[in-house]
Amino acid sequence: MTLSPRLLLIAALLLTAALYWPGLGGPLVLDDFETFARLQRWVAGQDSWQSAMFGHQASLDARPVAMASLMLSAALGGVDPFAFKLGNLLVHLLCGVLVWQVVRQATRHDTVLGERADGIALAVAALWLLHPFNASTVLYAVQRMAQLGTLFALAAVWTYLSARTALLAGHARKAAWQLFALFPLLVIAGYFSKQHAAIAPALCLVLELTYFSGRAPATGRRMLATFFGLFLLVPAALLLAVLILQPERLLAGYADYDFTLTERLLTQPRVLMGYLAQLLVPRGALMGLYTDDIVASTGWFAPPATLYAFLGLLAISAVAVAARRRVPALFAGWFFFLAAHVIESSFLPLDLAFEHRNYLPAVGLLWAVAGGAATLLARVQTSALSARQLGTLACGALVLVYSATTLGRALVWQDRAQIISQGLKHHPDSLYANLDAMALAQQHGLKQAHDEITARMMAGTRSQWRVLGRLYRVTASCARGEPADPALLRAAASEKLSRISLTEVHAFRALAARVDPPATCAGLTPGLAASTIAQLVDATDARYATQQPTWLSRYEAAKLFGHGALWEQAEAQATLAWQPTADAGVGFYLANLQARGGRLEQAQATLGDVAARNHCNDTRGRAEIDKTWRAWQALRQGGHMSPGMA
């Protein structure tokens, strides 16, 4: 008896849920903590729902749809990793259904494989659901954002395919409603989940060129021209205009990285070929969070793999173009893969690589492989098995391999120590892996393991590693009740960093936490800690003074100077920290320092700047402004500002 594709899809969904279940209770990782701290404040009633949903980001960078989804998980299950990861799993299963629908509906228009649309769609959806490369998206709680962006992008593409089918059938009104009402709503929802969903119109263009080119009545052609002009050409033109006229709006983030725009563009072909290798031949042990050990390409032959990867991508693209009519699915899937990578794997200032960036592109690559394999198998003549049977066996074998590998990854994700251990084993040059291993050793009181990592970092060739190793060695000594070694801080301060990153900011904050009260750590004073931070920042390139890591570091130094009653130095650092991009907290601190020094007019001007910058959803900020005004009113009435107010 032959099972229907729908029943087999349900079986794939159930198998996926079973494989992921062991990993749902795993820990939060990396930038989970910052996001869920905001949710924790909301659940505890310490922050408004507006602040939790919208945060303090600019409107075009906010992700309120994804945050609303995470808030729902928190409301139902509390701020617990299981609740968020269970929600991620449910979104993953829903995405799998949409993958099936998109591939199925598009393949029905395939001149070669149209009769096998259901089977090919089932293969693509099942393999995508079970692919181990997706584990670090499903089990990484905050990647709900990437998942929902993909969900809405797939829904938008499905809507486009439905509209395109309606046009072929002469139902122009239905098509118009889908193209110009439902489609943009889905893209907007996707964009405000994660911005990569904006690529949906380009994915539709790929499918248009593959399956529908030239197939539309005159009315339909005008409608399609308007659709692609409005949702693809106009946004592309606006993006190009911003890049030309105000490049800093999109490229300023490169100040936070140790690679340039050119180096990122040169590196991405290597990264894409690495993604390809893992998608085609997944090696679970090599997968994980720690991809920051990738060395940026500085030229076509530095390393030589840069040119080879670029030529490889060109060659595959040329084959796909040449085979567009004979194997449409190869063309559709390959360019779907490339188009889906355009936003996160091109010019934007982002980390060089992350597995979750393949969550949507993987659909295209599996589609290309399934379509190409189905076309090839149809031409294979065997007396024992039919082409369908061969395809079923091949797909079944992949399902078994993918299932075993995904289960292995889910088991690793049960425990933070396993995640870090595997990452450090296969990515020993990953700074994040070393820092996480160090933090884990400190948490469990493993002095020898911690000191081995810091010693290795202090002996490294990179100044950033040496600085961090020394800072964390001092912090660890204080945490153990041992005296700090001031020589380590002086050595750290003598290093020259080209720029400060958020990684150093975290180290500065860890150091600052050990200063209060000073008696807990002999040899570490607020002034010494503050001077170390200030000297490191002073030595960086002045071009980065307005960048977030720089002013955050100045702010930490200012607070430490203030803690040591070194008010003049504190105000000097706070003044340097009060950049146009700085948070309100910096302005509050500076204003209080100015008021403490008796310069109330200057303090009032600073507080006015704080109020002007205060985000409309920042209820805590508004409350702090009111509190500060009341304190100053008391000062005017004859009170005295205590050091604590600064």
Foldseek 3Di string as FASTA:
>chain_A
DDDFLVVLLVVLLVLLCVLQVLQQQFDADDVPVVLLVLLLCVVVVNADPLCNQFNQDDPLAAQNLLSVLVNVLCVVPNSGSNSLLVSLSVLLSLLLVLQLLLQLLLCCLAPQCNVCSNVLSSLLSSLLSLFQLCLCQSSNRLSSLLSLLLNLLSVLSSLQSVLLVCQLVVNNVSSLCSLPPVNVVSLVNSCSSPNLSLLSLVLNVLSCVQRPVPRGPPVVVVSVVCSCCVSPVVVVVVVVCCCVPPVCVFQVLCLQDPDHLVQLQLCLLVQVVVLVCCLVPNDLLLDAFQPLLDDTQPDCPSPVVSVVSVVVLVVQQVVLVVCSNVQVQLSSLSVQLVSSCPPVRHRGPDRSDGSSSCSRNSSSVSSNVSSVLLSVLCPDDDPPDHSVRVSVVVSVVSSVVSSVSNSVNSVLSRYPVSNLVSCCVNCVVGPSSLVSQLVVCLVVVVVVSNLVSLVPQCPDPDLVSVLLSLLVVQLSCLVVQHAGDLVSLVVNLPGEDQAFHVVVLVSLVSSLVSVVPVVSHHPDHLQSSLSSLVSRLVRYDPVCLQPPRSLSSLQSSLVSCLVVVVLVSSLVSLVSSPHPPHALVSLQVNLQSCVLVVNNVVSVVSLVVSVVSDDPSPPVSVVVSVVVVVVVVVVVVPDHDDSVSD
